Amino acid sequence: MPSAVTVRLVTDEADAVLAVLAKKKTNQPISEEDWQRVFQSEGYIRLKRRETSLKRSFDDADFKSFVLSEQLAELGPALEETLGKWKLADITGAARLALAYLPKAARISAKIYPVIKPRNNSFVFEVKTDPAIFLYLDPAVTKEKFENTLAHELNHVGYARSCLPKLISGEFTRLPENVRTVLYSIGSFGEGIAMLAAAGGPDVHPHSVSNPEDRARWDRDVANFNNDLRKVERFFLDVLEKRITPAETQKVSASFFGVQGPWYTVGWKMAVTIEKAYGRDKLIECLCDPRHLLSTYNRSARQHNRRAREPLALWSESLIKGVKRT
């Protein structure tokens, strides 16, 4: 594995839960030792810490009930098969894809936890101290899709270590608060750049290994790029002109995530356009200094529009000037 990468797959929680399910299936007694194997697993301990940090109930007794439920028992064989396939995933390859869209000095360190749990969400945790990527063990997710998701999340981990600190320190702290808020929000377009990284480049469909429904949804949403760009622009201008409160700002920004909303689709289209016009290094430079992302996209989009039948929308000059305000 490259020296810039320290990534480890930790499956102890899923392994322990599957062991309990196997005993239940064959009517063997489930001992206290079996349960302690679950509750003392690294994956379970960190999962519990994350949920309680969000003020969510996460009780050992409730988790026992979840593990012993008939619904989970029915999923047992599929979960075991899926975990076996995920253990064969090319984590090195996923890390290399992630690093390809980060600064040359970037380092990625993370533990990856496939977990069996009541909530079917996936997330990153403790990125600043001991980065963890929790992935819900989903039988519908193939090994290839698992690798794709890993590359996406590892790109975020690398960004948080190599680029994000610049947005919360140094010269950025001297900018007006509303400008800092917009610049930090522009960083959310990193979702689209992570899609590009996980795919492996601008000529690979970002859902090439997804199911047909996810791919079709993405294609529909990307086709709405110009309208979505305008929606995000209105949000940025509202923040710059102080027309919305901090609470409203947070709510609108969150709405652009969605399943894979404008932070993903608009961010991806911008990133692809920039890379094709000026190369990957320029795109990475913009990722780490969001003051230049919108204006660089505009220049690359103008080049594209000279030969395109369907021109791409551009960011307004008033917004470009606003984000470069000192």
C-alpha atoms as a PDB file:
ATOM      1  CA  MET A   1       0.000   0.000   0.000  1.00  0.00           C
ATOM      2  CA  PRO A   2       1.341   3.479  -0.773  1.00  0.00           C
ATOM      3  CA  SER A   3       3.181   5.156   2.111  1.00  0.00           C
ATOM      4  CA  ALA A   4       0.705   8.045   1.895  1.00  0.00           C
ATOM      5  CA  VAL A   5      -2.092   5.677   2.873  1.00  0.00           C
ATOM      6  CA  THR A   6      -2.853   3.857   6.112  1.00  0.00           C
ATOM      7  CA  VAL A   7      -6.227   2.177   5.716  1.00  0.00           C
ATOM      8  CA  ARG A   8      -7.517  -0.852   7.588  1.00  0.00           C
ATOM      9  CA  LEU A   9     -10.721  -2.870   7.270  1.00  0.00           C
ATOM     10  CA  VAL A  10     -12.140  -3.659  10.732  1.00  0.00           C
ATOM     11  CA  THR A  11     -14.930  -6.252  10.626  1.00  0.00           C
ATOM     12  CA  ASP A  12     -15.023  -7.379  14.267  1.00  0.00           C
ATOM     13  CA  GLU A  13     -18.534  -6.020  14.986  1.00  0.00           C
ATOM     14  CA  ALA A  14     -20.069  -7.635  11.913  1.00  0.00           C
ATOM     15  CA  ASP A  15     -18.192 -10.895  12.546  1.00  0.00           C
ATOM     16  CA  ALA A  16     -19.450 -11.028  16.138  1.00  0.00           C
ATOM     17  CA  VAL A  17     -23.064 -10.326  15.171  1.00  0.00           C
ATOM     18  CA  LEU A  18     -22.934 -12.982  12.456  1.00  0.00           C
ATOM     19  CA  ALA A  19     -21.605 -15.497  14.996  1.00  0.00           C
ATOM     20  CA  VAL A  20     -24.649 -14.836  17.188  1.00  0.00           C
ATOM     21  CA  LEU A  21     -26.964 -15.219  14.195  1.00  0.00           C
ATOM     22  CA  ALA A  22     -25.315 -18.526  13.295  1.00  0.00           C
ATOM     23  CA  LYS A  23     -25.913 -19.881  16.797  1.00  0.00           C
ATOM     24  CA  LYS A  24     -29.508 -18.740  16.759  1.00  0.00           C
ATOM     25  CA  LYS A  25     -30.088 -20.424  13.397  1.00  0.00           C
ATOM     26  CA  THR A  26     -28.845 -23.789  14.715  1.00  0.00           C
ATOM     27  CA  ASN A  27     -30.636 -23.387  18.087  1.00  0.00           C
ATOM     28  CA  GLN A  28     -27.371 -23.255  20.020  1.00  0.00           C
ATOM     29  CA  PRO A  29     -27.322 -21.326  23.312  1.00  0.00           C
ATOM     30  CA  ILE A  30     -25.997 -17.778  22.975  1.00  0.00           C
ATOM     31  CA  SER A  31     -23.632 -17.142  25.867  1.00  0.00           C
ATOM     32  CA  GLU A  32     -22.651 -13.965  27.664  1.00  0.00           C
ATOM     33  CA  GLU A  33     -19.235 -14.401  26.053  1.00  0.00           C
ATOM     34  CA  ASP A  34     -20.885 -14.210  22.624  1.00  0.00           C
ATOM     35  CA  TRP A  35     -22.553 -10.926  23.545  1.00  0.00           C
ATOM     36  CA  GLN A  36     -19.373  -9.510  25.026  1.00  0.00           C
ATOM     37  CA  ARG A  37     -17.620 -10.286  21.775  1.00  0.00           C
ATOM     38  CA  VAL A  38     -20.165  -7.975  20.128  1.00  0.00           C
ATOM     39  CA  PHE A  39     -20.129  -5.227  22.758  1.00  0.00           C
ATOM     40  CA  GLN A  40     -16.339  -5.183  23.161  1.00  0.00           C
ATOM     41  CA  SER A  41     -15.640  -5.104  19.440  1.00  0.00           C
ATOM     42  CA  GLU A  42     -13.895  -1.994  18.185  1.00  0.00           C
ATOM     43  CA  GLY A  43     -16.638  -1.366  15.647  1.00  0.00           C
ATOM     44  CA  TYR A  44     -19.428  -1.530  18.240  1.00  0.00           C
ATOM     45  CA  ILE A  45     -17.610   0.670  20.782  1.00  0.00           C
ATOM     46  CA  ARG A  46     -16.973   3.406  18.231  1.00  0.00           C
ATOM     47  CA  LEU A  47     -20.467   3.099  16.750  1.00  0.00           C
ATOM     48  CA  LYS A  48     -21.987   3.519  20.203  1.00  0.00           C
ATOM     49  CA  ARG A  49     -19.739   6.510  20.917  1.00  0.00           C
ATOM     50  CA  ARG A  50     -20.822   8.146  17.685  1.00  0.00           C
ATOM     51  CA  GLU A  51     -24.550   7.618  18.278  1.00  0.00           C
ATOM     52  CA  THR A  52     -24.422   8.860  21.871  1.00  0.00           C
ATOM     53  CA  SER A  53     -22.436  11.928  20.748  1.00  0.00           C
ATOM     54  CA  LEU A  54     -25.478  12.783  18.609  1.00  0.00           C
ATOM     55  CA  LYS A  55     -27.778  12.294  21.634  1.00  0.00           C
ATOM     56  CA  ARG A  56     -29.281   9.152  20.112  1.00  0.00           C
ATOM     57  CA  SER A  57     -30.313   6.229  22.245  1.00  0.00           C
ATOM     58  CA  PHE A  58     -27.964   3.272  21.789  1.00  0.00           C
ATOM     59  CA  ASP A  59     -28.525   0.713  24.514  1.00  0.00           C
ATOM     60  CA  ASP A  60     -26.925  -2.753  24.673  1.00  0.00           C
ATOM     61  CA  ALA A  61     -30.275  -4.343  25.530  1.00  0.00           C
ATOM     62  CA  ASP A  62     -31.953  -2.701  22.534  1.00  0.00           C
ATOM     63  CA  PHE A  63     -29.121  -3.886  20.312  1.00  0.00           C
ATOM     64  CA  LYS A  64     -29.581  -7.438  21.605  1.00  0.00           C
ATOM     65  CA  SER A  65     -33.258  -7.263  20.628  1.00  0.00           C
ATOM     66  CA  PHE A  66     -32.272  -6.035  17.172  1.00  0.00           C
ATOM     67  CA  VAL A  67     -29.781  -8.875  16.674  1.00  0.00           C
ATOM     68  CA  LEU A  68     -32.300 -11.480  17.826  1.00  0.00           C
ATOM     69  CA  SER A  69     -35.122 -10.143  15.658  1.00  0.00           C
ATOM     70  CA  GLU A  70     -36.630 -12.413  13.025  1.00  0.00           C
ATOM     71  CA  GLN A  71     -36.056  -9.735  10.385  1.00  0.00           C
ATOM     72  CA  LEU A  72     -32.298  -9.831  10.937  1.00  0.00           C
ATOM     73  CA  ALA A  73     -32.306 -13.629  11.140  1.00  0.00           C
ATOM     74  CA  GLU A  74     -33.774 -13.782   7.645  1.00  0.00           C
ATOM     75  CA  LEU A  75     -30.975 -11.540   6.394  1.00  0.00           C
ATOM     76  CA  GLY A  76     -28.226 -13.581   8.081  1.00  0.00           C
ATOM     77  CA  PRO A  77     -27.058 -15.655   5.078  1.00  0.00           C
ATOM     78  CA  ALA A  78     -27.072 -12.632   2.761  1.00  0.00           C
ATOM     79  CA  LEU A  79     -25.167 -10.543   5.308  1.00  0.00           C
ATOM     80  CA  GLU A  80     -22.537 -13.257   5.711  1.00  0.00           C
ATOM     81  CA  GLU A  81     -22.108 -13.581   1.950  1.00  0.00           C
ATOM     82  CA  THR A  82     -21.867  -9.800   1.522  1.00  0.00           C
ATOM     83  CA  LEU A  83     -19.254  -9.405   4.253  1.00  0.00           C
ATOM     84  CA  GLY A  84     -17.185 -12.149   2.651  1.00  0.00           C
ATOM     85  CA  LYS A  85     -17.219 -10.277  -0.650  1.00  0.00           C
ATOM     86  CA  TRP A  86     -16.426  -6.934   0.959  1.00  0.00           C
ATOM     87  CA  LYS A  87     -13.399  -8.464   2.686  1.00  0.00           C
ATOM     88  CA  LEU A  88     -12.002  -9.126  -0.807  1.00  0.00           C
ATOM     89  CA  ALA A  89     -12.377  -5.472  -1.842  1.00  0.00           C
ATOM     90  CA  ASP A  90      -9.387  -3.664  -3.325  1.00  0.00           C
ATOM     91  CA  ILE A  91      -8.870  -1.107  -0.570  1.00  0.00           C
ATOM     92  CA  THR A  92      -5.507  -0.101  -2.031  1.00  0.00           C
ATOM     93  CA  GLY A  93      -7.154   0.695  -5.346  1.00  0.00           C
ATOM     94  CA  ALA A  94      -9.868   2.731  -3.640  1.00  0.00           C
ATOM     95  CA  ALA A  95      -7.247   4.728  -1.749  1.00  0.00           C
ATOM     96  CA  ARG A  96      -5.297   5.411  -4.943  1.00  0.00           C
ATOM     97  CA  LEU A  97      -8.440   6.738  -6.626  1.00  0.00           C
ATOM     98  CA  ALA A  98      -9.041   9.028  -3.648  1.00  0.00           C
ATOM     99  CA  LEU A  99      -5.454  10.308  -3.596  1.00  0.00           C
ATOM    100  CA  ALA A 100      -5.513  11.083  -7.316  1.00  0.00           C
ATOM    101  CA  TYR A 101      -7.817  14.030  -6.581  1.00  0.00           C
ATOM    102  CA  LEU A 102      -5.947  15.419  -3.589  1.00  0.00           C
ATOM    103  CA  PRO A 103      -2.797  17.545  -3.258  1.00  0.00           C
ATOM    104  CA  LYS A 104       0.453  15.645  -3.771  1.00  0.00           C
ATOM    105  CA  ALA A 105       1.328  15.993  -0.084  1.00  0.00           C
ATOM    106  CA  ALA A 106      -2.022  14.552   1.032  1.00  0.00           C
ATOM    107  CA  ARG A 107      -2.126  11.627   3.417  1.00  0.00           C
ATOM    108  CA  ILE A 108      -5.039   9.312   4.081  1.00  0.00           C
ATOM    109  CA  SER A 109      -5.423   7.447   7.357  1.00  0.00           C
ATOM    110  CA  ALA A 110      -8.682   5.682   8.169  1.00  0.00           C
ATOM    111  CA  LYS A 111     -10.331   2.604   9.615  1.00  0.00           C
ATOM    112  CA  ILE A 112     -13.239   1.151   7.674  1.00  0.00           C
ATOM    113  CA  TYR A 113     -16.022  -0.490   9.647  1.00  0.00           C
ATOM    114  CA  PRO A 114     -18.652  -2.576   7.830  1.00  0.00           C
ATOM    115  CA  VAL A 115     -21.321  -2.811  10.523  1.00  0.00           C
ATOM    116  CA  ILE A 116     -24.626  -4.562  11.147  1.00  0.00           C
ATOM    117  CA  LYS A 117     -26.885  -2.065  12.906  1.00  0.00           C
ATOM    118  CA  PRO A 118     -30.503  -0.872  13.121  1.00  0.00           C
ATOM    119  CA  ARG A 119     -30.018   2.309  11.064  1.00  0.00           C
ATOM    120  CA  ASN A 120     -29.074   1.771   7.415  1.00  0.00           C
ATOM    121  CA  ASN A 121     -26.942   4.905   7.081  1.00  0.00           C
ATOM    122  CA  SER A 122     -23.200   5.210   6.425  1.00  0.00           C
ATOM    123  CA  PHE A 123     -20.968   8.027   7.694  1.00  0.00           C
ATOM    124  CA  VAL A 124     -17.509   9.243   8.667  1.00  0.00           C
ATOM    125  CA  PHE A 125     -16.566   9.871  12.304  1.00  0.00           C
ATOM    126  CA  GLU A 126     -13.744  11.503  14.267  1.00  0.00           C
ATOM    127  CA  VAL A 127     -12.014  12.690  11.101  1.00  0.00           C
ATOM    128  CA  LYS A 128      -9.685  15.037  12.985  1.00  0.00           C
ATOM    129  CA  THR A 129      -8.422  12.469  15.493  1.00  0.00           C
ATOM    130  CA  ASP A 130      -8.900   8.863  14.357  1.00  0.00           C
ATOM    131  CA  PRO A 131     -10.791   8.853  11.042  1.00  0.00           C
ATOM    132  CA  ALA A 132     -13.438   6.168  10.765  1.00  0.00           C
ATOM    133  CA  ILE A 133     -15.693   5.244   7.856  1.00  0.00           C
ATOM    134  CA  PHE A 134     -18.798   3.324   8.934  1.00  0.00           C
ATOM    135  CA  LEU A 135     -20.597   1.471   6.153  1.00  0.00           C
ATOM    136  CA  TYR A 136     -23.925  -0.251   6.710  1.00  0.00           C
ATOM    137  CA  LEU A 137     -23.550  -3.874   5.629  1.00  0.00           C
ATOM    138  CA  ASP A 138     -26.052  -3.945   2.785  1.00  0.00           C
ATOM    139  CA  PRO A 139     -26.561  -7.124   0.718  1.00  0.00           C
ATOM    140  CA  ALA A 140     -27.678  -4.931  -2.183  1.00  0.00           C
ATOM    141  CA  VAL A 141     -24.195  -3.359  -2.387  1.00  0.00           C
ATOM    142  CA  THR A 142     -21.747  -5.290  -4.550  1.00  0.00           C
ATOM    143  CA  LYS A 143     -18.011  -5.471  -3.903  1.00  0.00           C
ATOM    144  CA  GLU A 144     -17.472  -3.029  -6.774  1.00  0.00           C
ATOM    145  CA  LYS A 145     -19.963  -0.531  -5.346  1.00  0.00           C
ATOM    146  CA  PHE A 146     -18.365  -0.941  -1.925  1.00  0.00           C
ATOM    147  CA  GLU A 147     -14.978  -0.054  -3.451  1.00  0.00           C
ATOM    148  CA  ASN A 148     -16.542   2.957  -5.175  1.00  0.00           C
ATOM    149  CA  THR A 149     -18.059   4.178  -1.903  1.00  0.00           C
ATOM    150  CA  LEU A 150     -14.731   3.671  -0.118  1.00  0.00           C
ATOM    151  CA  ALA A 151     -12.906   5.803  -2.681  1.00  0.00           C
ATOM    152  CA  HIS A 152     -15.528   8.533  -2.264  1.00  0.00           C
ATOM    153  CA  GLU A 153     -15.302   8.567   1.531  1.00  0.00           C
ATOM    154  CA  LEU A 154     -11.511   8.277   1.570  1.00  0.00           C
ATOM    155  CA  ASN A 155     -11.343  11.338  -0.661  1.00  0.00           C
ATOM    156  CA  HIS A 156     -13.347  13.201   1.998  1.00  0.00           C
ATOM    157  CA  VAL A 157     -10.989  12.005   4.719  1.00  0.00           C
ATOM    158  CA  GLY A 158      -7.989  13.202   2.719  1.00  0.00           C
ATOM    159  CA  TYR A 159      -9.665  16.547   2.017  1.00  0.00           C
ATOM    160  CA  ALA A 160     -10.407  17.052   5.709  1.00  0.00           C
ATOM    161  CA  ARG A 161      -6.731  16.576   6.518  1.00  0.00           C
ATOM    162  CA  SER A 162      -5.102  18.428   3.609  1.00  0.00           C
ATOM    163  CA  CYS A 163      -7.510  21.193   2.554  1.00  0.00           C
ATOM    164  CA  LEU A 164     -10.128  21.863   5.223  1.00  0.00           C
ATOM    165  CA  PRO A 165      -7.701  23.325   7.801  1.00  0.00           C
ATOM    166  CA  LYS A 166      -6.994  26.206   5.402  1.00  0.00           C
ATOM    167  CA  LEU A 167     -10.661  27.228   5.533  1.00  0.00           C
ATOM    168  CA  ILE A 168     -10.694  27.557   9.311  1.00  0.00           C
ATOM    169  CA  SER A 169      -7.354  29.271   9.842  1.00  0.00           C
ATOM    170  CA  GLY A 170      -4.990  31.916   8.497  1.00  0.00           C
ATOM    171  CA  GLU A 171      -6.170  34.494   5.996  1.00  0.00           C
ATOM    172  CA  PHE A 172      -9.659  33.004   5.754  1.00  0.00           C
ATOM    173  CA  THR A 173     -10.371  33.939   9.376  1.00  0.00           C
ATOM    174  CA  ARG A 174      -9.911  37.614   8.485  1.00  0.00           C
ATOM    175  CA  LEU A 175     -12.684  37.567   5.850  1.00  0.00           C
ATOM    176  CA  PRO A 176     -16.179  38.819   6.728  1.00  0.00           C
ATOM    177  CA  GLU A 177     -18.318  36.111   8.312  1.00  0.00           C
ATOM    178  CA  ASN A 178     -20.802  35.978   5.433  1.00  0.00           C
ATOM    179  CA  VAL A 179     -17.970  35.481   2.922  1.00  0.00           C
ATOM    180  CA  ARG A 180     -16.445  32.739   5.072  1.00  0.00           C
ATOM    181  CA  THR A 181     -19.825  31.015   5.219  1.00  0.00           C
ATOM    182  CA  VAL A 182     -20.122  31.013   1.431  1.00  0.00           C
ATOM    183  CA  LEU A 183     -16.557  29.767   0.965  1.00  0.00           C
ATOM    184  CA  TYR A 184     -17.140  26.980   3.468  1.00  0.00           C
ATOM    185  CA  SER A 185     -20.357  26.100   1.613  1.00  0.00           C
ATOM    186  CA  ILE A 186     -18.506  26.026  -1.707  1.00  0.00           C
ATOM    187  CA  GLY A 187     -16.402  23.312  -0.093  1.00  0.00           C
ATOM    188  CA  SER A 188     -19.547  21.154  -0.142  1.00  0.00           C
ATOM    189  CA  PHE A 189     -19.032  20.810  -3.900  1.00  0.00           C
ATOM    190  CA  GLY A 190     -16.333  18.390  -2.739  1.00  0.00           C
ATOM    191  CA  GLU A 191     -19.120  15.809  -2.857  1.00  0.00           C
ATOM    192  CA  GLY A 192     -19.072  16.095  -6.628  1.00  0.00           C
ATOM    193  CA  ILE A 193     -15.293  15.975  -6.754  1.00  0.00           C
ATOM    194  CA  ALA A 194     -15.373  12.838  -4.605  1.00  0.00           C
ATOM    195  CA  MET A 195     -17.817  11.321  -7.111  1.00  0.00           C
ATOM    196  CA  LEU A 196     -15.314  12.106  -9.851  1.00  0.00           C
ATOM    197  CA  ALA A 197     -12.442  10.630  -7.842  1.00  0.00           C
ATOM    198  CA  ALA A 198     -14.335   7.437  -7.034  1.00  0.00           C
ATOM    199  CA  ALA A 199     -15.242   6.941 -10.688  1.00  0.00           C
ATOM    200  CA  GLY A 200     -11.603   7.296 -11.703  1.00  0.00           C
ATOM    201  CA  GLY A 201     -11.836  10.264 -14.059  1.00  0.00           C
ATOM    202  CA  PRO A 202     -14.095  12.535 -16.116  1.00  0.00           C
ATOM    203  CA  ASP A 203     -14.747   9.956 -18.830  1.00  0.00           C
ATOM    204  CA  VAL A 204     -16.142   7.333 -16.434  1.00  0.00           C
ATOM    205  CA  HIS A 205     -19.802   7.501 -15.419  1.00  0.00           C
ATOM    206  CA  PRO A 206     -19.942   8.175 -11.646  1.00  0.00           C
ATOM    207  CA  HIS A 207     -22.552   5.428 -11.300  1.00  0.00           C
ATOM    208  CA  SER A 208     -20.915   2.889 -13.600  1.00  0.00           C
ATOM    209  CA  VAL A 209     -21.056   0.238 -10.846  1.00  0.00           C
ATOM    210  CA  SER A 210     -24.419   1.296  -9.383  1.00  0.00           C
ATOM    211  CA  ASN A 211     -27.818  -0.253  -9.935  1.00  0.00           C
ATOM    212  CA  PRO A 212     -29.872   1.018 -12.915  1.00  0.00           C
ATOM    213  CA  GLU A 213     -32.212   3.050 -10.704  1.00  0.00           C
ATOM    214  CA  ASP A 214     -29.394   5.057  -9.084  1.00  0.00           C
ATOM    215  CA  ARG A 215     -27.761   5.650 -12.450  1.00  0.00           C
ATOM    216  CA  ALA A 216     -31.033   6.855 -13.990  1.00  0.00           C
ATOM    217  CA  ARG A 217     -31.685   9.199 -11.060  1.00  0.00           C
ATOM    218  CA  TRP A 218     -28.216  10.690 -11.412  1.00  0.00           C
ATOM    219  CA  ASP A 219     -28.662  11.236 -15.147  1.00  0.00           C
ATOM    220  CA  ARG A 220     -31.979  13.019 -14.551  1.00  0.00           C
ATOM    221  CA  ASP A 221     -30.473  15.259 -11.888  1.00  0.00           C
ATOM    222  CA  VAL A 222     -27.351  16.118 -13.900  1.00  0.00           C
ATOM    223  CA  ALA A 223     -29.613  17.084 -16.807  1.00  0.00           C
ATOM    224  CA  ASN A 224     -31.042  19.752 -14.479  1.00  0.00           C
ATOM    225  CA  PHE A 225     -27.561  21.248 -13.919  1.00  0.00           C
ATOM    226  CA  ASN A 226     -28.316  24.775 -15.152  1.00  0.00           C
ATOM    227  CA  ASN A 227     -31.411  25.157 -12.972  1.00  0.00           C
ATOM    228  CA  ASP A 228     -29.665  23.704  -9.935  1.00  0.00           C
ATOM    229  CA  LEU A 229     -26.700  26.010 -10.400  1.00  0.00           C
ATOM    230  CA  ARG A 230     -29.087  28.966 -10.265  1.00  0.00           C
ATOM    231  CA  LYS A 231     -30.691  27.635  -7.067  1.00  0.00           C
ATOM    232  CA  VAL A 232     -27.299  27.362  -5.392  1.00  0.00           C
ATOM    233  CA  GLU A 233     -26.339  30.808  -6.673  1.00  0.00           C
ATOM    234  CA  ARG A 234     -29.444  32.355  -5.090  1.00  0.00           C
ATOM    235  CA  PHE A 235     -28.447  30.735  -1.822  1.00  0.00           C
ATOM    236  CA  PHE A 236     -24.887  32.074  -2.017  1.00  0.00           C
ATOM    237  CA  LEU A 237     -26.119  35.586  -2.824  1.00  0.00           C
ATOM    238  CA  ASP A 238     -28.654  35.483   0.003  1.00  0.00           C
ATOM    239  CA  VAL A 239     -25.832  34.661   2.406  1.00  0.00           C
ATOM    240  CA  LEU A 240     -23.518  37.321   0.978  1.00  0.00           C
ATOM    241  CA  GLU A 241     -26.228  39.977   1.189  1.00  0.00           C
ATOM    242  CA  LYS A 242     -27.288  38.786   4.674  1.00  0.00           C
ATOM    243  CA  ARG A 243     -30.847  38.099   3.579  1.00  0.00           C
ATOM    244  CA  ILE A 244     -31.156  34.835   5.523  1.00  0.00           C
ATOM    245  CA  THR A 245     -30.429  33.839   9.115  1.00  0.00           C
ATOM    246  CA  PRO A 246     -27.764  31.330  10.161  1.00  0.00           C
ATOM    247  CA  ALA A 247     -30.497  28.767  10.871  1.00  0.00           C
ATOM    248  CA  GLU A 248     -31.985  29.270   7.398  1.00  0.00           C
ATOM    249  CA  THR A 249     -28.508  29.053   5.893  1.00  0.00           C
ATOM    250  CA  GLN A 250     -27.925  25.682   7.518  1.00  0.00           C
ATOM    251  CA  LYS A 251     -31.339  24.400   6.412  1.00  0.00           C
ATOM    252  CA  VAL A 252     -30.918  25.418   2.765  1.00  0.00           C
ATOM    253  CA  SER A 253     -27.377  24.072   2.596  1.00  0.00           C
ATOM    254  CA  ALA A 254     -28.517  20.740   4.020  1.00  0.00           C
ATOM    255  CA  SER A 255     -31.252  20.534   1.379  1.00  0.00           C
ATOM    256  CA  PHE A 256     -28.606  20.539  -1.364  1.00  0.00           C
ATOM    257  CA  PHE A 257     -27.243  17.216  -0.112  1.00  0.00           C
ATOM    258  CA  GLY A 258     -30.403  15.139  -0.486  1.00  0.00           C
ATOM    259  CA  VAL A 259     -29.806  11.634  -1.828  1.00  0.00           C
ATOM    260  CA  GLN A 260     -27.280  13.137  -4.220  1.00  0.00           C
ATOM    261  CA  GLY A 261     -28.396  16.719  -4.680  1.00  0.00           C
ATOM    262  CA  PRO A 262     -26.694  19.805  -6.190  1.00  0.00           C
ATOM    263  CA  TRP A 263     -23.622  19.582  -3.970  1.00  0.00           C
ATOM    264  CA  TYR A 264     -22.994  16.300  -5.802  1.00  0.00           C
ATOM    265  CA  THR A 265     -24.329  16.874  -9.323  1.00  0.00           C
ATOM    266  CA  VAL A 266     -23.396  20.532  -9.792  1.00  0.00           C
ATOM    267  CA  GLY A 267     -20.062  19.908  -8.075  1.00  0.00           C
ATOM    268  CA  TRP A 268     -19.340  16.937 -10.345  1.00  0.00           C
ATOM    269  CA  LYS A 269     -20.239  18.791 -13.548  1.00  0.00           C
ATOM    270  CA  MET A 270     -18.110  21.775 -12.555  1.00  0.00           C
ATOM    271  CA  ALA A 271     -15.185  19.506 -11.686  1.00  0.00           C
ATOM    272  CA  VAL A 272     -15.410  17.595 -14.960  1.00  0.00           C
ATOM    273  CA  THR A 273     -15.570  20.829 -16.956  1.00  0.00           C
ATOM    274  CA  ILE A 274     -12.531  22.280 -15.173  1.00  0.00           C
ATOM    275  CA  GLU A 275     -10.466  19.110 -15.481  1.00  0.00           C
ATOM    276  CA  LYS A 276     -11.170  18.754 -19.191  1.00  0.00           C
ATOM    277  CA  ALA A 277     -10.218  22.392 -19.810  1.00  0.00           C
ATOM    278  CA  TYR A 278      -7.246  22.882 -17.493  1.00  0.00           C
ATOM    279  CA  GLY A 279      -6.240  19.491 -16.100  1.00  0.00           C
ATOM    280  CA  ARG A 280      -6.550  17.764 -12.748  1.00  0.00           C
ATOM    281  CA  ASP A 281      -3.917  19.818 -10.937  1.00  0.00           C
ATOM    282  CA  LYS A 282      -5.917  22.983 -11.513  1.00  0.00           C
ATOM    283  CA  LEU A 283      -9.053  21.309 -10.203  1.00  0.00           C
ATOM    284  CA  ILE A 284      -7.246  20.178  -7.040  1.00  0.00           C
ATOM    285  CA  GLU A 285      -5.918  23.696  -6.557  1.00  0.00           C
ATOM    286  CA  CYS A 286      -9.501  25.000  -6.630  1.00  0.00           C
ATOM    287  CA  LEU A 287     -10.631  22.308  -4.211  1.00  0.00           C
ATOM    288  CA  CYS A 288      -8.199  23.576  -1.602  1.00  0.00           C
ATOM    289  CA  ASP A 289      -8.929  27.269  -2.253  1.00  0.00           C
ATOM    290  CA  PRO A 290     -12.662  27.644  -2.964  1.00  0.00           C
ATOM    291  CA  ARG A 291     -12.236  31.358  -3.744  1.00  0.00           C
ATOM    292  CA  HIS A 292     -11.162  30.268  -7.225  1.00  0.00           C
ATOM    293  CA  LEU A 293     -13.518  27.357  -7.919  1.00  0.00           C
ATOM    294  CA  LEU A 294     -16.433  29.341  -9.346  1.00  0.00           C
ATOM    295  CA  SER A 295     -14.360  31.686 -11.516  1.00  0.00           C
ATOM    296  CA  THR A 296     -12.233  28.806 -12.847  1.00  0.00           C
ATOM    297  CA  TYR A 297     -15.384  26.906 -13.720  1.00  0.00           C
ATOM    298  CA  ASN A 298     -16.738  29.977 -15.549  1.00  0.00           C
ATOM    299  CA  ARG A 299     -13.622  30.188 -17.710  1.00  0.00           C
ATOM    300  CA  SER A 300     -13.720  26.487 -18.542  1.00  0.00           C
ATOM    301  CA  ALA A 301     -17.488  26.618 -19.221  1.00  0.00           C
ATOM    302  CA  ARG A 302     -17.019  29.489 -21.660  1.00  0.00           C
ATOM    303  CA  GLN A 303     -14.564  27.321 -23.585  1.00  0.00           C
ATOM    304  CA  HIS A 304     -17.080  24.474 -23.536  1.00  0.00           C
ATOM    305  CA  ASN A 305     -19.940  26.723 -24.636  1.00  0.00           C
ATOM    306  CA  ARG A 306     -18.142  27.856 -27.783  1.00  0.00           C
ATOM    307  CA  ARG A 307     -18.608  24.400 -29.264  1.00  0.00           C
ATOM    308  CA  ALA A 308     -21.574  23.056 -27.287  1.00  0.00           C
ATOM    309  CA  ARG A 309     -25.127  22.747 -28.563  1.00  0.00           C
ATOM    310  CA  GLU A 310     -26.451  23.119 -25.006  1.00  0.00           C
ATOM    311  CA  PRO A 311     -24.468  25.802 -23.147  1.00  0.00           C
ATOM    312  CA  LEU A 312     -23.677  25.472 -19.472  1.00  0.00           C
ATOM    313  CA  ALA A 313     -24.883  28.103 -17.014  1.00  0.00           C
ATOM    314  CA  LEU A 314     -22.292  30.472 -15.555  1.00  0.00           C
ATOM    315  CA  TRP A 315     -21.995  31.971 -12.094  1.00  0.00           C
ATOM    316  CA  SER A 316     -22.834  35.688 -11.984  1.00  0.00           C
ATOM    317  CA  GLU A 317     -20.093  38.281 -11.790  1.00  0.00           C
ATOM    318  CA  SER A 318     -21.612  39.701  -8.607  1.00  0.00           C
ATOM    319  CA  LEU A 319     -21.158  36.323  -6.911  1.00  0.00           C
ATOM    320  CA  ILE A 320     -17.617  35.910  -8.241  1.00  0.00           C
ATOM    321  CA  LYS A 321     -16.679  39.313  -6.836  1.00  0.00           C
ATOM    322  CA  GLY A 322     -18.445  38.553  -3.579  1.00  0.00           C
ATOM    323  CA  VAL A 323     -16.487  35.406  -2.785  1.00  0.00           C
ATOM    324  CA  LYS A 324     -13.199  37.152  -3.547  1.00  0.00           C
ATOM    325  CA  ARG A 325     -14.069  40.034  -1.235  1.00  0.00           C
ATOM    326  CA  THR A 326     -11.320  40.824   1.276  1.00  0.00           C
END
